[in-house]
Amino acid sequence: MGSIIYGFMPIGILERYAGPDNPLAIPFAAIIGIPLYIRAEAVIPLAAGLMSKGAGAGTVLALIIGSAGASLTEVILLRALFTTRLIAVFVSVVLSMAVLAGLITYFIY
């Protein structure tokens, strides 16, 4: 996935919508990342591909934390063990931590 982004995605798209000067891209990246299933091994090439095409560091970090923290398959598996309310709390904590980490990275980096 990272090589596809690196090789074929136009630079202008990511710079316009998820560039380093757009803090609103951070919560959207966290929300988009939660249903995705990105393994820890795939995070580094994906992040490298996104950042090389112009995505901001905070946006990439929010996407990574959202996708690694609470993927759709993980939520489906947790549904067998926990109540819906507890799963909603879990997903909201992962989402808020992804947004918080992305915003801290945005303001520092």
PDB file of N, CA and C in Angstrom:
ATOM      1  N   MET A   1       0.822  -1.183   0.000  1.00  0.00           N
ATOM      2  CA  MET A   1       0.000   0.000   0.000  1.00  0.00           C
ATOM      3  C   MET A   1       0.873   1.257   0.000  1.00  0.00           C
ATOM      4  N   GLY A   2       1.937   1.224   0.812  1.00  0.00           N
ATOM      5  CA  GLY A   2       2.836   2.364   0.856  1.00  0.00           C
ATOM      6  C   GLY A   2       3.519   2.617  -0.478  1.00  0.00           C
ATOM      7  N   SER A   3       3.903   1.548  -1.177  1.00  0.00           N
ATOM      8  CA  SER A   3       4.542   1.725  -2.477  1.00  0.00           C
ATOM      9  C   SER A   3       3.557   2.224  -3.523  1.00  0.00           C
ATOM     10  N   ILE A   4       2.293   1.829  -3.414  1.00  0.00           N
ATOM     11  CA  ILE A   4       1.283   2.339  -4.346  1.00  0.00           C
ATOM     12  C   ILE A   4       1.077   3.830  -4.126  1.00  0.00           C
ATOM     13  N   ILE A   5       0.988   4.236  -2.853  1.00  0.00           N
ATOM     14  CA  ILE A   5       0.840   5.662  -2.549  1.00  0.00           C
ATOM     15  C   ILE A   5       2.066   6.422  -3.029  1.00  0.00           C
ATOM     16  N   TYR A   6       3.247   5.873  -2.753  1.00  0.00           N
ATOM     17  CA  TYR A   6       4.485   6.545  -3.135  1.00  0.00           C
ATOM     18  C   TYR A   6       4.626   6.658  -4.647  1.00  0.00           C
ATOM     19  N   GLY A   7       4.221   5.637  -5.378  1.00  0.00           N
ATOM     20  CA  GLY A   7       4.448   5.622  -6.813  1.00  0.00           C
ATOM     21  C   GLY A   7       3.358   6.241  -7.657  1.00  0.00           C
ATOM     22  N   PHE A   8       2.118   6.163  -7.230  1.00  0.00           N
ATOM     23  CA  PHE A   8       1.029   6.534  -8.127  1.00  0.00           C
ATOM     24  C   PHE A   8       0.144   7.681  -7.659  1.00  0.00           C
ATOM     25  N   MET A   9       0.161   8.029  -6.395  1.00  0.00           N
ATOM     26  CA  MET A   9      -0.727   9.093  -5.920  1.00  0.00           C
ATOM     27  C   MET A   9      -0.130  10.456  -6.241  1.00  0.00           C
ATOM     28  N   PRO A  10      -0.923  11.346  -6.832  1.00  0.00           N
ATOM     29  CA  PRO A  10      -0.413  12.686  -7.129  1.00  0.00           C
ATOM     30  C   PRO A  10      -0.133  13.468  -5.848  1.00  0.00           C
ATOM     31  N   ILE A  11       0.918  14.276  -5.891  1.00  0.00           N
ATOM     32  CA  ILE A  11       1.340  15.045  -4.720  1.00  0.00           C
ATOM     33  C   ILE A  11       0.291  16.081  -4.334  1.00  0.00           C
ATOM     34  N   GLY A  12      -0.338  16.701  -5.276  1.00  0.00           N
ATOM     35  CA  GLY A  12      -1.260  17.788  -5.002  1.00  0.00           C
ATOM     36  C   GLY A  12      -2.458  17.402  -4.159  1.00  0.00           C
ATOM     37  N   ILE A  13      -2.926  16.172  -4.280  1.00  0.00           N
ATOM     38  CA  ILE A  13      -4.107  15.750  -3.535  1.00  0.00           C
ATOM     39  C   ILE A  13      -3.825  15.737  -2.033  1.00  0.00           C
ATOM     40  N   LEU A  14      -2.752  15.083  -1.629  1.00  0.00           N
ATOM     41  CA  LEU A  14      -2.450  15.013  -0.204  1.00  0.00           C
ATOM     42  C   LEU A  14      -2.019  16.364   0.351  1.00  0.00           C
ATOM     43  N   GLU A  15      -1.299  17.148  -0.416  1.00  0.00           N
ATOM     44  CA  GLU A  15      -0.898  18.464   0.081  1.00  0.00           C
ATOM     45  C   GLU A  15      -2.105  19.364   0.297  1.00  0.00           C
ATOM     46  N   ARG A  16      -3.103  19.248  -0.541  1.00  0.00           N
ATOM     47  CA  ARG A  16      -4.279  20.108  -0.427  1.00  0.00           C
ATOM     48  C   ARG A  16      -5.165  19.709   0.740  1.00  0.00           C
ATOM     49  N   TYR A  17      -5.429  18.412   0.893  1.00  0.00           N
ATOM     50  CA  TYR A  17      -6.382  17.972   1.903  1.00  0.00           C
ATOM     51  C   TYR A  17      -5.746  17.514   3.214  1.00  0.00           C
ATOM     52  N   ALA A  18      -4.556  16.979   3.180  1.00  0.00           N
ATOM     53  CA  ALA A  18      -3.932  16.439   4.391  1.00  0.00           C
ATOM     54  C   ALA A  18      -2.531  16.997   4.598  1.00  0.00           C
ATOM     55  N   GLY A  19      -2.280  18.179   4.089  1.00  0.00           N
ATOM     56  CA  GLY A  19      -0.965  18.777   4.205  1.00  0.00           C
ATOM     57  C   GLY A  19      -0.638  19.219   5.615  1.00  0.00           C
ATOM     58  N   PRO A  20       0.609  19.616   5.816  1.00  0.00           N
ATOM     59  CA  PRO A  20       1.040  20.003   7.161  1.00  0.00           C
ATOM     60  C   PRO A  20       0.403  21.287   7.675  1.00  0.00           C
ATOM     61  N   ASP A  21      -0.259  22.049   6.824  1.00  0.00           N
ATOM     62  CA  ASP A  21      -0.873  23.296   7.268  1.00  0.00           C
ATOM     63  C   ASP A  21      -2.383  23.167   7.469  1.00  0.00           C
ATOM     64  N   ASN A  22      -2.907  21.944   7.525  1.00  0.00           N
ATOM     65  CA  ASN A  22      -4.337  21.724   7.680  1.00  0.00           C
ATOM     66  C   ASN A  22      -4.620  20.924   8.952  1.00  0.00           C
ATOM     67  N   PRO A  23      -4.903  21.600  10.075  1.00  0.00           N
ATOM     68  CA  PRO A  23      -5.164  20.851  11.312  1.00  0.00           C
ATOM     69  C   PRO A  23      -6.504  20.118  11.301  1.00  0.00           C
ATOM     70  N   LEU A  24      -7.430  20.493  10.419  1.00  0.00           N
ATOM     71  CA  LEU A  24      -8.713  19.790  10.355  1.00  0.00           C
ATOM     72  C   LEU A  24      -8.593  18.396   9.743  1.00  0.00           C
ATOM     73  N   ALA A  25      -7.483  18.132   9.079  1.00  0.00           N
ATOM     74  CA  ALA A  25      -7.268  16.806   8.514  1.00  0.00           C
ATOM     75  C   ALA A  25      -6.980  15.773   9.596  1.00  0.00           C
ATOM     76  N   ILE A  26      -6.549  16.220  10.763  1.00  0.00           N
ATOM     77  CA  ILE A  26      -6.173  15.285  11.834  1.00  0.00           C
ATOM     78  C   ILE A  26      -7.375  14.496  12.348  1.00  0.00           C
ATOM     79  N   PRO A  27      -8.498  15.142  12.739  1.00  0.00           N
ATOM     80  CA  PRO A  27      -9.630  14.313  13.187  1.00  0.00           C
ATOM     81  C   PRO A  27     -10.216  13.447  12.075  1.00  0.00           C
ATOM     82  N   PHE A  28     -10.200  13.944  10.846  1.00  0.00           N
ATOM     83  CA  PHE A  28     -10.705  13.130   9.737  1.00  0.00           C
ATOM     84  C   PHE A  28      -9.830  11.904   9.503  1.00  0.00           C
ATOM     85  N   ALA A  29      -8.509  12.070   9.634  1.00  0.00           N
ATOM     86  CA  ALA A  29      -7.611  10.929   9.467  1.00  0.00           C
ATOM     87  C   ALA A  29      -7.819   9.906  10.569  1.00  0.00           C
ATOM     88  N   ALA A  30      -8.069  10.372  11.790  1.00  0.00           N
ATOM     89  CA  ALA A  30      -8.324   9.442  12.894  1.00  0.00           C
ATOM     90  C   ALA A  30      -9.623   8.683  12.668  1.00  0.00           C
ATOM     91  N   ILE A  31     -10.647   9.365  12.191  1.00  0.00           N
ATOM     92  CA  ILE A  31     -11.934   8.711  11.925  1.00  0.00           C
ATOM     93  C   ILE A  31     -11.806   7.724  10.779  1.00  0.00           C
ATOM     94  N   ILE A  32     -11.082   8.092   9.745  1.00  0.00           N
ATOM     95  CA  ILE A  32     -10.874   7.193   8.607  1.00  0.00           C
ATOM     96  C   ILE A  32     -10.035   5.987   9.016  1.00  0.00           C
ATOM     97  N   GLY A  33      -9.077   6.199   9.920  1.00  0.00           N
ATOM     98  CA  GLY A  33      -8.188   5.112  10.323  1.00  0.00           C
ATOM     99  C   GLY A  33      -8.841   4.030  11.144  1.00  0.00           C
ATOM    100  N   ILE A  34      -9.899   4.369  11.893  1.00  0.00           N
ATOM    101  CA  ILE A  34     -10.496   3.370  12.784  1.00  0.00           C
ATOM    102  C   ILE A  34     -11.079   2.176  12.032  1.00  0.00           C
ATOM    103  N   PRO A  35     -11.841   2.336  10.954  1.00  0.00           N
ATOM    104  CA  PRO A  35     -12.342   1.117  10.294  1.00  0.00           C
ATOM    105  C   PRO A  35     -11.287   0.357   9.493  1.00  0.00           C
ATOM    106  N   LEU A  36     -10.149   0.969   9.230  1.00  0.00           N
ATOM    107  CA  LEU A  36      -9.111   0.293   8.456  1.00  0.00           C
ATOM    108  C   LEU A  36      -8.402  -0.754   9.309  1.00  0.00           C
ATOM    109  N   TYR A  37      -7.893  -1.747   8.653  1.00  0.00           N
ATOM    110  CA  TYR A  37      -7.121  -2.784   9.329  1.00  0.00           C
ATOM    111  C   TYR A  37      -5.692  -2.683   8.814  1.00  0.00           C
ATOM    112  N   ILE A  38      -4.877  -1.955   9.552  1.00  0.00           N
ATOM    113  CA  ILE A  38      -3.478  -1.783   9.173  1.00  0.00           C
ATOM    114  C   ILE A  38      -2.627  -2.442  10.247  1.00  0.00           C
ATOM    115  N   ARG A  39      -1.862  -3.420   9.870  1.00  0.00           N
ATOM    116  CA  ARG A  39      -0.997  -4.130  10.806  1.00  0.00           C
ATOM    117  C   ARG A  39       0.198  -3.265  11.168  1.00  0.00           C
ATOM    118  N   ALA A  40       0.803  -3.567  12.285  1.00  0.00           N
ATOM    119  CA  ALA A  40       1.934  -2.779  12.772  1.00  0.00           C
ATOM    120  C   ALA A  40       3.118  -2.829  11.799  1.00  0.00           C
ATOM    121  N   GLU A  41       3.258  -3.929  11.090  1.00  0.00           N
ATOM    122  CA  GLU A  41       4.366  -4.049  10.144  1.00  0.00           C
ATOM    123  C   GLU A  41       4.163  -3.166   8.918  1.00  0.00           C
ATOM    124  N   ALA A  42       2.929  -2.857   8.598  1.00  0.00           N
ATOM    125  CA  ALA A  42       2.627  -2.069   7.405  1.00  0.00           C
ATOM    126  C   ALA A  42       2.597  -0.570   7.680  1.00  0.00           C
ATOM    127  N   VAL A  43       2.707  -0.179   8.934  1.00  0.00           N
ATOM    128  CA  VAL A  43       2.578   1.229   9.286  1.00  0.00           C
ATOM    129  C   VAL A  43       3.754   2.045   8.758  1.00  0.00           C
ATOM    130  N   ILE A  44       4.961   1.538   8.861  1.00  0.00           N
ATOM    131  CA  ILE A  44       6.141   2.317   8.480  1.00  0.00           C
ATOM    132  C   ILE A  44       6.153   2.626   6.987  1.00  0.00           C
ATOM    133  N   PRO A  45       5.967   1.657   6.084  1.00  0.00           N
ATOM    134  CA  PRO A  45       5.945   2.019   4.665  1.00  0.00           C
ATOM    135  C   PRO A  45       4.761   2.905   4.299  1.00  0.00           C
ATOM    136  N   LEU A  46       3.623   2.700   4.957  1.00  0.00           N
ATOM    137  CA  LEU A  46       2.457   3.541   4.686  1.00  0.00           C
ATOM    138  C   LEU A  46       2.716   4.975   5.129  1.00  0.00           C
ATOM    139  N   ALA A  47       3.264   5.150   6.309  1.00  0.00           N
ATOM    140  CA  ALA A  47       3.571   6.493   6.805  1.00  0.00           C
ATOM    141  C   ALA A  47       4.630   7.167   5.936  1.00  0.00           C
ATOM    142  N   ALA A  48       5.633   6.422   5.521  1.00  0.00           N
ATOM    143  CA  ALA A  48       6.665   6.988   4.664  1.00  0.00           C
ATOM    144  C   ALA A  48       6.093   7.426   3.321  1.00  0.00           C
ATOM    145  N   GLY A  49       5.217   6.615   2.763  1.00  0.00           N
ATOM    146  CA  GLY A  49       4.593   6.972   1.493  1.00  0.00           C
ATOM    147  C   GLY A  49       3.708   8.195   1.610  1.00  0.00           C
ATOM    148  N   LEU A  50       2.917   8.271   2.678  1.00  0.00           N
ATOM    149  CA  LEU A  50       2.041   9.427   2.870  1.00  0.00           C
ATOM    150  C   LEU A  50       2.837  10.707   3.116  1.00  0.00           C
ATOM    151  N   MET A  51       3.864  10.622   3.950  1.00  0.00           N
ATOM    152  CA  MET A  51       4.642  11.824   4.246  1.00  0.00           C
ATOM    153  C   MET A  51       5.477  12.274   3.052  1.00  0.00           C
ATOM    154  N   SER A  52       5.931  11.342   2.232  1.00  0.00           N
ATOM    155  CA  SER A  52       6.695  11.740   1.049  1.00  0.00           C
ATOM    156  C   SER A  52       5.813  12.430   0.008  1.00  0.00           C
ATOM    157  N   LYS A  53       4.517  12.160   0.052  1.00  0.00           N
ATOM    158  CA  LYS A  53       3.589  12.799  -0.884  1.00  0.00           C
ATOM    159  C   LYS A  53       2.978  14.075  -0.329  1.00  0.00           C
ATOM    160  N   GLY A  54       3.381  14.495   0.870  1.00  0.00           N
ATOM    161  CA  GLY A  54       2.958  15.789   1.367  1.00  0.00           C
ATOM    162  C   GLY A  54       1.991  15.789   2.528  1.00  0.00           C
ATOM    163  N   ALA A  55       1.660  14.636   3.075  1.00  0.00           N
ATOM    164  CA  ALA A  55       0.760  14.602   4.236  1.00  0.00           C
ATOM    165  C   ALA A  55       1.512  15.094   5.462  1.00  0.00           C
ATOM    166  N   GLY A  56       0.797  15.766   6.352  1.00  0.00           N
ATOM    167  CA  GLY A  56       1.403  16.274   7.568  1.00  0.00           C
ATOM    168  C   GLY A  56       1.703  15.158   8.554  1.00  0.00           C
ATOM    169  N   ALA A  57       2.686  15.399   9.423  1.00  0.00           N
ATOM    170  CA  ALA A  57       3.081  14.385  10.396  1.00  0.00           C
ATOM    171  C   ALA A  57       1.963  14.107  11.391  1.00  0.00           C
ATOM    172  N   GLY A  58       1.240  15.128  11.812  1.00  0.00           N
ATOM    173  CA  GLY A  58       0.131  14.932  12.740  1.00  0.00           C
ATOM    174  C   GLY A  58      -0.992  14.144  12.118  1.00  0.00           C
ATOM    175  N   THR A  59      -1.249  14.384  10.857  1.00  0.00           N
ATOM    176  CA  THR A  59      -2.298  13.654  10.145  1.00  0.00           C
ATOM    177  C   THR A  59      -1.941  12.181  10.007  1.00  0.00           C
ATOM    178  N   VAL A  60      -0.700  11.913   9.662  1.00  0.00           N
ATOM    179  CA  VAL A  60      -0.250  10.525   9.521  1.00  0.00           C
ATOM    180  C   VAL A  60      -0.273   9.813  10.867  1.00  0.00           C
ATOM    181  N   LEU A  61       0.152  10.510  11.922  1.00  0.00           N
ATOM    182  CA  LEU A  61       0.142   9.893  13.246  1.00  0.00           C
ATOM    183  C   LEU A  61      -1.279   9.574  13.698  1.00  0.00           C
ATOM    184  N   ALA A  62      -2.215  10.469  13.445  1.00  0.00           N
ATOM    185  CA  ALA A  62      -3.614  10.210  13.812  1.00  0.00           C
ATOM    186  C   ALA A  62      -4.167   9.016  13.040  1.00  0.00           C
ATOM    187  N   LEU A  63      -3.827   8.902  11.775  1.00  0.00           N
ATOM    188  CA  LEU A  63      -4.267   7.758  10.976  1.00  0.00           C
ATOM    189  C   LEU A  63      -3.684   6.457  11.517  1.00  0.00           C
ATOM    190  N   ILE A  64      -2.410   6.478  11.870  1.00  0.00           N
ATOM    191  CA  ILE A  64      -1.748   5.281  12.378  1.00  0.00           C
ATOM    192  C   ILE A  64      -2.335   4.846  13.716  1.00  0.00           C
ATOM    193  N   ILE A  65      -2.510   5.790  14.629  1.00  0.00           N
ATOM    194  CA  ILE A  65      -3.048   5.431  15.944  1.00  0.00           C
ATOM    195  C   ILE A  65      -4.488   4.952  15.818  1.00  0.00           C
ATOM    196  N   GLY A  66      -5.269   5.611  14.986  1.00  0.00           N
ATOM    197  CA  GLY A  66      -6.656   5.183  14.800  1.00  0.00           C
ATOM    198  C   GLY A  66      -6.760   3.797  14.212  1.00  0.00           C
ATOM    199  N   SER A  67      -5.935   3.510  13.211  1.00  0.00           N
ATOM    200  CA  SER A  67      -6.033   2.202  12.553  1.00  0.00           C
ATOM    201  C   SER A  67      -5.411   1.087  13.377  1.00  0.00           C
ATOM    202  N   ALA A  68      -4.340   1.368  14.077  1.00  0.00           N
ATOM    203  CA  ALA A  68      -3.715   0.325  14.894  1.00  0.00           C
ATOM    204  C   ALA A  68      -4.428   0.146  16.224  1.00  0.00           C
ATOM    205  N   GLY A  69      -5.080   1.197  16.713  1.00  0.00           N
ATOM    206  CA  GLY A  69      -5.725   1.131  18.021  1.00  0.00           C
ATOM    207  C   GLY A  69      -7.057   0.416  18.005  1.00  0.00           C
ATOM    208  N   ALA A  70      -7.872   0.678  17.012  1.00  0.00           N
ATOM    209  CA  ALA A  70      -9.212   0.081  16.993  1.00  0.00           C
ATOM    210  C   ALA A  70      -9.637  -0.161  15.556  1.00  0.00           C
ATOM    211  N   SER A  71      -9.276  -1.296  15.027  1.00  0.00           N
ATOM    212  CA  SER A  71      -9.708  -1.629  13.678  1.00  0.00           C
ATOM    213  C   SER A  71     -11.096  -2.251  13.724  1.00  0.00           C
ATOM    214  N   LEU A  72     -11.727  -2.308  12.591  1.00  0.00           N
ATOM    215  CA  LEU A  72     -13.076  -2.858  12.504  1.00  0.00           C
ATOM    216  C   LEU A  72     -13.111  -4.327  12.919  1.00  0.00           C
ATOM    217  N   THR A  73     -12.112  -5.087  12.520  1.00  0.00           N
ATOM    218  CA  THR A  73     -12.074  -6.504  12.901  1.00  0.00           C
ATOM    219  C   THR A  73     -11.895  -6.664  14.407  1.00  0.00           C
ATOM    220  N   GLU A  74     -11.111  -5.793  15.010  1.00  0.00           N
ATOM    221  CA  GLU A  74     -10.927  -5.855  16.460  1.00  0.00           C
ATOM    222  C   GLU A  74     -12.227  -5.542  17.192  1.00  0.00           C
ATOM    223  N   VAL A  75     -12.958  -4.558  16.712  1.00  0.00           N
ATOM    224  CA  VAL A  75     -14.230  -4.202  17.334  1.00  0.00           C
ATOM    225  C   VAL A  75     -15.233  -5.346  17.200  1.00  0.00           C
ATOM    226  N   ILE A  76     -15.231  -6.014  16.065  1.00  0.00           N
ATOM    227  CA  ILE A  76     -16.132  -7.159  15.874  1.00  0.00           C
ATOM    228  C   ILE A  76     -15.778  -8.285  16.855  1.00  0.00           C
ATOM    229  N   LEU A  77     -14.494  -8.530  17.053  1.00  0.00           N
ATOM    230  CA  LEU A  77     -14.089  -9.565  18.010  1.00  0.00           C
ATOM    231  C   LEU A  77     -14.419  -9.159  19.447  1.00  0.00           C
ATOM    232  N   LEU A  78     -14.246  -7.888  19.780  1.00  0.00           N
ATOM    233  CA  LEU A  78     -14.547  -7.419  21.129  1.00  0.00           C
ATOM    234  C   LEU A  78     -16.044  -7.442  21.428  1.00  0.00           C
ATOM    235  N   ARG A  79     -16.866  -7.383  20.393  1.00  0.00           N
ATOM    236  CA  ARG A  79     -18.310  -7.408  20.581  1.00  0.00           C
ATOM    237  C   ARG A  79     -18.772  -8.708  21.242  1.00  0.00           C
ATOM    238  N   ALA A  80     -18.041  -9.770  21.021  1.00  0.00           N
ATOM    239  CA  ALA A  80     -18.394 -11.043  21.645  1.00  0.00           C
ATOM    240  C   ALA A  80     -18.089 -11.049  23.145  1.00  0.00           C
ATOM    241  N   LEU A  81     -17.200 -10.172  23.592  1.00  0.00           N
ATOM    242  CA  LEU A  81     -16.801 -10.173  24.992  1.00  0.00           C
ATOM    243  C   LEU A  81     -17.409  -9.043  25.817  1.00  0.00           C
ATOM    244  N   PHE A  82     -17.639  -7.890  25.193  1.00  0.00           N
ATOM    245  CA  PHE A  82     -18.036  -6.709  25.936  1.00  0.00           C
ATOM    246  C   PHE A  82     -19.379  -6.173  25.458  1.00  0.00           C
ATOM    247  N   THR A  83     -19.948  -5.291  26.264  1.00  0.00           N
ATOM    248  CA  THR A  83     -21.213  -4.661  25.894  1.00  0.00           C
ATOM    249  C   THR A  83     -20.957  -3.570  24.855  1.00  0.00           C
ATOM    250  N   THR A  84     -22.020  -3.151  24.222  1.00  0.00           N
ATOM    251  CA  THR A  84     -21.912  -2.109  23.198  1.00  0.00           C
ATOM    252  C   THR A  84     -21.416  -0.801  23.798  1.00  0.00           C
ATOM    253  N   ARG A  85     -21.855  -0.497  25.007  1.00  0.00           N
ATOM    254  CA  ARG A  85     -21.421   0.744  25.660  1.00  0.00           C
ATOM    255  C   ARG A  85     -19.918   0.734  25.919  1.00  0.00           C
ATOM    256  N   LEU A  86     -19.378  -0.383  26.377  1.00  0.00           N
ATOM    257  CA  LEU A  86     -17.946  -0.480  26.638  1.00  0.00           C
ATOM    258  C   LEU A  86     -17.140  -0.393  25.347  1.00  0.00           C
ATOM    259  N   ILE A  87     -17.627  -0.971  24.288  1.00  0.00           N
ATOM    260  CA  ILE A  87     -16.949  -0.879  22.993  1.00  0.00           C
ATOM    261  C   ILE A  87     -16.971   0.563  22.489  1.00  0.00           C
ATOM    262  N   ALA A  88     -18.096   1.257  22.684  1.00  0.00           N
ATOM    263  CA  ALA A  88     -18.177   2.663  22.279  1.00  0.00           C
ATOM    264  C   ALA A  88     -17.190   3.517  23.069  1.00  0.00           C
ATOM    265  N   VAL A  89     -17.031   3.232  24.349  1.00  0.00           N
ATOM    266  CA  VAL A  89     -16.048   3.958  25.162  1.00  0.00           C
ATOM    267  C   VAL A  89     -14.640   3.664  24.654  1.00  0.00           C
ATOM    268  N   PHE A  90     -14.353   2.409  24.342  1.00  0.00           N
ATOM    269  CA  PHE A  90     -13.039   2.029  23.829  1.00  0.00           C
ATOM    270  C   PHE A  90     -12.718   2.759  22.525  1.00  0.00           C
ATOM    271  N   VAL A  91     -13.656   2.754  21.603  1.00  0.00           N
ATOM    272  CA  VAL A  91     -13.434   3.412  20.311  1.00  0.00           C
ATOM    273  C   VAL A  91     -13.285   4.926  20.495  1.00  0.00           C
ATOM    274  N   SER A  92     -14.074   5.514  21.387  1.00  0.00           N
ATOM    275  CA  SER A  92     -13.964   6.957  21.605  1.00  0.00           C
ATOM    276  C   SER A  92     -12.645   7.332  22.268  1.00  0.00           C
ATOM    277  N   VAL A  93     -12.135   6.484  23.145  1.00  0.00           N
ATOM    278  CA  VAL A  93     -10.825   6.756  23.753  1.00  0.00           C
ATOM    279  C   VAL A  93      -9.721   6.660  22.703  1.00  0.00           C
ATOM    280  N   VAL A  94      -9.771   5.655  21.860  1.00  0.00           N
ATOM    281  CA  VAL A  94      -8.769   5.527  20.793  1.00  0.00           C
ATOM    282  C   VAL A  94      -8.851   6.724  19.847  1.00  0.00           C
ATOM    283  N   LEU A  95     -10.061   7.125  19.494  1.00  0.00           N
ATOM    284  CA  LEU A  95     -10.249   8.268  18.612  1.00  0.00           C
ATOM    285  C   LEU A  95      -9.713   9.548  19.246  1.00  0.00           C
ATOM    286  N   SER A  96     -10.032   9.769  20.496  1.00  0.00           N
ATOM    287  CA  SER A  96      -9.560  10.994  21.148  1.00  0.00           C
ATOM    288  C   SER A  96      -8.050  10.996  21.325  1.00  0.00           C
ATOM    289  N   MET A  97      -7.451   9.852  21.613  1.00  0.00           N
ATOM    290  CA  MET A  97      -5.992   9.786  21.737  1.00  0.00           C
ATOM    291  C   MET A  97      -5.314   9.992  20.385  1.00  0.00           C
ATOM    292  N   ALA A  98      -5.921   9.488  19.332  1.00  0.00           N
ATOM    293  CA  ALA A  98      -5.353   9.694  17.996  1.00  0.00           C
ATOM    294  C   ALA A  98      -5.401  11.171  17.621  1.00  0.00           C
ATOM    295  N   VAL A  99      -6.520  11.820  17.892  1.00  0.00           N
ATOM    296  CA  VAL A  99      -6.644  13.248  17.583  1.00  0.00           C
ATOM    297  C   VAL A  99      -5.696  14.061  18.458  1.00  0.00           C
ATOM    298  N   LEU A 100      -5.617  13.739  19.740  1.00  0.00           N
ATOM    299  CA  LEU A 100      -4.734  14.468  20.648  1.00  0.00           C
ATOM    300  C   LEU A 100      -3.268  14.331  20.238  1.00  0.00           C
ATOM    301  N   ALA A 101      -2.844  13.114  19.935  1.00  0.00           N
ATOM    302  CA  ALA A 101      -1.458  12.902  19.499  1.00  0.00           C
ATOM    303  C   ALA A 101      -1.178  13.607  18.178  1.00  0.00           C
ATOM    304  N   GLY A 102      -2.144  13.586  17.276  1.00  0.00           N
ATOM    305  CA  GLY A 102      -1.964  14.288  16.000  1.00  0.00           C
ATOM    306  C   GLY A 102      -1.864  15.783  16.182  1.00  0.00           C
ATOM    307  N   LEU A 103      -2.696  16.351  17.061  1.00  0.00           N
ATOM    308  CA  LEU A 103      -2.635  17.801  17.299  1.00  0.00           C
ATOM    309  C   LEU A 103      -1.360  18.206  18.013  1.00  0.00           C
ATOM    310  N   ILE A 104      -0.901  17.401  18.965  1.00  0.00           N
ATOM    311  CA  ILE A 104       0.368  17.705  19.634  1.00  0.00           C
ATOM    312  C   ILE A 104       1.507  17.667  18.623  1.00  0.00           C
ATOM    313  N   THR A 105       1.491  16.670  17.760  1.00  0.00           N
ATOM    314  CA  THR A 105       2.522  16.587  16.718  1.00  0.00           C
ATOM    315  C   THR A 105       2.427  17.773  15.756  1.00  0.00           C
ATOM    316  N   TYR A 106       1.208  18.188  15.439  1.00  0.00           N
ATOM    317  CA  TYR A 106       0.999  19.327  14.551  1.00  0.00           C
ATOM    318  C   TYR A 106       1.596  20.597  15.152  1.00  0.00           C
ATOM    319  N   PHE A 107       1.371  20.824  16.428  1.00  0.00           N
ATOM    320  CA  PHE A 107       1.862  22.047  17.048  1.00  0.00           C
ATOM    321  C   PHE A 107       3.344  22.016  17.364  1.00  0.00           C
ATOM    322  N   ILE A 108       3.919  20.832  17.594  1.00  0.00           N
ATOM    323  CA  ILE A 108       5.351  20.735  17.905  1.00  0.00           C
ATOM    324  C   ILE A 108       6.187  20.567  16.654  1.00  0.00           C
ATOM    325  N   TYR A 109       5.752  19.700  15.761  1.00  0.00           N
ATOM    326  CA  TYR A 109       6.553  19.346  14.582  1.00  0.00           C
ATOM    327  C   TYR A 109       6.202  20.280  13.502  1.00  0.00           C
TER     328      TYR A 109
END
